[in-house]
Amino acid sequence: MTQDSGGTVDGKVDVNNLYRQETYTDLGLGSIQSLRPITAEGDPDPSRKVIFMGSAQIMTPHGPIPVQCEIDADNLRAACAAFPGAIKGAVNELLQEVRQIERERQGGIVIPRGGKLELP
């Protein structure tokens, strides 16, 4: 999306990259979104793969942190089975990013914290 100097926004929808989103949840741990490719007419587009996304929240002393990740699966059942591992991988990546930010803040000095996530 672009904005010109007059404040007008030029946003175009890519009609060749449309998806229908469906959300599934067990009302507990998290949810899985199924992004199903469609044509500009709204018909299924079998030439493109369905994308599954997992989302959950991890609780910290400072409140919940949303976690989202792509799930490598061909159908909803496989996405449900792969959900825990995919979310765990996303949380591990998030923790690595937090540790990197802490190292940069401390000028490269790493202070062990017992492996617990502690946010300022």
Protein backbone atom coordinates (compact mmCIF):
# COMPACT_ATOMS: atom_id res chain seq x y z
CA MET A 1 0.00 0.00 0.00
CA THR A 2 1.35 3.41 -0.87
CA GLN A 3 0.44 6.93 0.16
CA ASP A 4 1.09 10.03 -1.94
CA SER A 5 2.00 13.47 -0.59
CA GLY A 6 -1.68 14.47 -0.57
CA GLY A 7 -2.54 11.69 1.88
CA THR A 8 -4.35 9.53 -0.66
CA VAL A 9 -3.83 5.82 -0.13
CA ASP A 10 -3.49 3.58 -3.18
CA GLY A 11 -4.22 0.05 -2.01
CA LYS A 12 -4.92 -2.65 -4.55
CA VAL A 13 -6.01 -6.18 -3.75
CA ASP A 14 -3.96 -8.82 -5.57
CA VAL A 15 -6.78 -10.81 -7.17
CA ASN A 16 -4.29 -13.55 -8.09
CA ASN A 17 -3.45 -14.19 -4.43
CA LEU A 18 -6.81 -14.43 -2.66
CA TYR A 19 -7.56 -16.82 0.22
CA ARG A 20 -10.66 -17.72 2.21
CA GLN A 21 -9.84 -17.91 5.91
CA GLU A 22 -11.49 -20.42 8.24
CA THR A 23 -10.66 -20.65 11.93
CA TYR A 24 -10.77 -23.82 14.03
CA THR A 25 -10.40 -24.01 17.79
CA ASP A 26 -10.90 -26.44 20.64
CA LEU A 27 -11.61 -23.40 22.90
CA GLY A 28 -8.50 -24.27 24.84
CA LEU A 29 -4.87 -24.15 23.77
CA GLY A 30 -5.09 -22.10 20.61
CA SER A 31 -6.48 -22.00 17.11
CA ILE A 32 -5.64 -23.07 13.58
CA GLN A 33 -6.43 -20.92 10.59
CA SER A 34 -6.92 -22.56 7.23
CA LEU A 35 -6.18 -20.22 4.32
CA ARG A 36 -7.81 -21.76 1.26
CA PRO A 37 -6.81 -20.34 -2.12
CA ILE A 38 -9.67 -18.95 -4.21
CA THR A 39 -10.08 -17.23 -7.54
CA ALA A 40 -11.29 -13.65 -7.93
CA GLU A 41 -14.76 -15.14 -8.46
CA GLY A 42 -14.60 -16.87 -5.06
CA ASP A 43 -14.23 -20.38 -6.45
CA PRO A 44 -11.64 -22.80 -5.02
CA ASP A 45 -8.24 -22.53 -6.74
CA PRO A 46 -6.80 -26.08 -6.80
CA SER A 47 -3.55 -24.88 -8.40
CA ARG A 48 -2.37 -23.46 -5.04
CA LYS A 49 -1.80 -25.16 -1.69
CA VAL A 50 -3.90 -24.59 1.43
CA ILE A 51 -1.89 -22.77 4.12
CA PHE A 52 -2.36 -23.63 7.81
CA MET A 53 -1.41 -21.13 10.53
CA GLY A 54 -1.33 -21.85 14.25
CA SER A 55 -1.82 -19.24 16.94
CA ALA A 56 -1.62 -19.35 20.73
CA GLN A 57 -0.61 -17.16 23.64
CA ILE A 58 2.12 -17.72 26.17
CA MET A 59 1.57 -16.23 29.58
CA THR A 60 4.34 -14.17 31.16
CA PRO A 61 4.49 -12.19 34.39
CA HIS A 62 3.88 -9.13 32.22
CA GLY A 63 0.86 -10.51 30.37
CA PRO A 64 0.15 -12.72 27.38
CA ILE A 65 2.35 -12.76 24.29
CA PRO A 66 0.76 -13.90 21.02
CA VAL A 67 2.60 -16.57 19.06
CA GLN A 68 1.81 -17.40 15.45
CA CYS A 69 3.41 -19.85 13.03
CA GLU A 70 2.87 -21.65 9.78
CA ILE A 71 2.04 -25.34 10.12
CA ASP A 72 3.40 -27.69 7.48
CA ALA A 73 0.38 -29.89 6.77
CA ASP A 74 -1.79 -31.07 3.89
CA ASN A 75 -5.10 -31.24 5.79
CA LEU A 76 -6.74 -30.14 9.03
CA ARG A 77 -6.12 -33.43 10.87
CA ALA A 78 -2.40 -33.24 10.07
CA ALA A 79 -2.36 -29.56 11.08
CA CYS A 80 -3.91 -30.45 14.46
CA ALA A 81 -1.28 -33.15 14.98
CA ALA A 82 1.57 -30.80 14.01
CA PHE A 83 0.22 -27.83 16.02
CA PRO A 84 2.10 -28.49 19.31
CA GLY A 85 5.49 -28.89 17.62
CA ALA A 86 4.96 -25.86 15.39
CA ILE A 87 3.98 -23.63 18.32
CA LYS A 88 6.90 -24.95 20.38
CA GLY A 89 9.26 -24.08 17.51
CA ALA A 90 7.78 -20.58 17.27
CA VAL A 91 8.16 -20.06 21.03
CA ASN A 92 11.79 -21.20 20.84
CA GLU A 93 12.43 -18.72 18.01
CA LEU A 94 10.80 -15.99 20.08
CA LEU A 95 13.00 -16.84 23.06
CA GLN A 96 16.12 -16.70 20.88
CA GLU A 97 15.08 -13.26 19.63
CA VAL A 98 14.51 -12.05 23.20
CA ARG A 99 17.94 -13.38 24.25
CA GLN A 100 19.55 -11.64 21.27
CA ILE A 101 17.88 -8.36 22.20
CA GLU A 102 19.09 -8.77 25.80
CA ARG A 103 22.66 -9.42 24.59
CA GLU A 104 22.57 -6.31 22.42
CA ARG A 105 21.16 -4.23 25.30
CA GLN A 106 23.91 -5.45 27.61
CA GLY A 107 26.69 -4.73 25.14
CA GLY A 108 27.38 -8.38 24.41
CA ILE A 109 27.54 -9.53 28.06
CA VAL A 110 25.28 -12.52 28.59
CA ILE A 111 23.79 -13.00 32.05
CA PRO A 112 22.29 -16.48 32.51
CA ARG A 113 18.71 -16.41 33.75
CA GLY A 114 18.04 -20.08 34.25
CA GLY A 115 16.33 -20.46 30.87
CA LYS A 116 13.24 -18.52 31.92
CA LEU A 117 11.65 -15.85 29.77
CA GLU A 118 11.90 -12.54 31.59
CA LEU A 119 10.70 -9.45 29.81
CA PRO A 120 11.25 -5.87 31.04
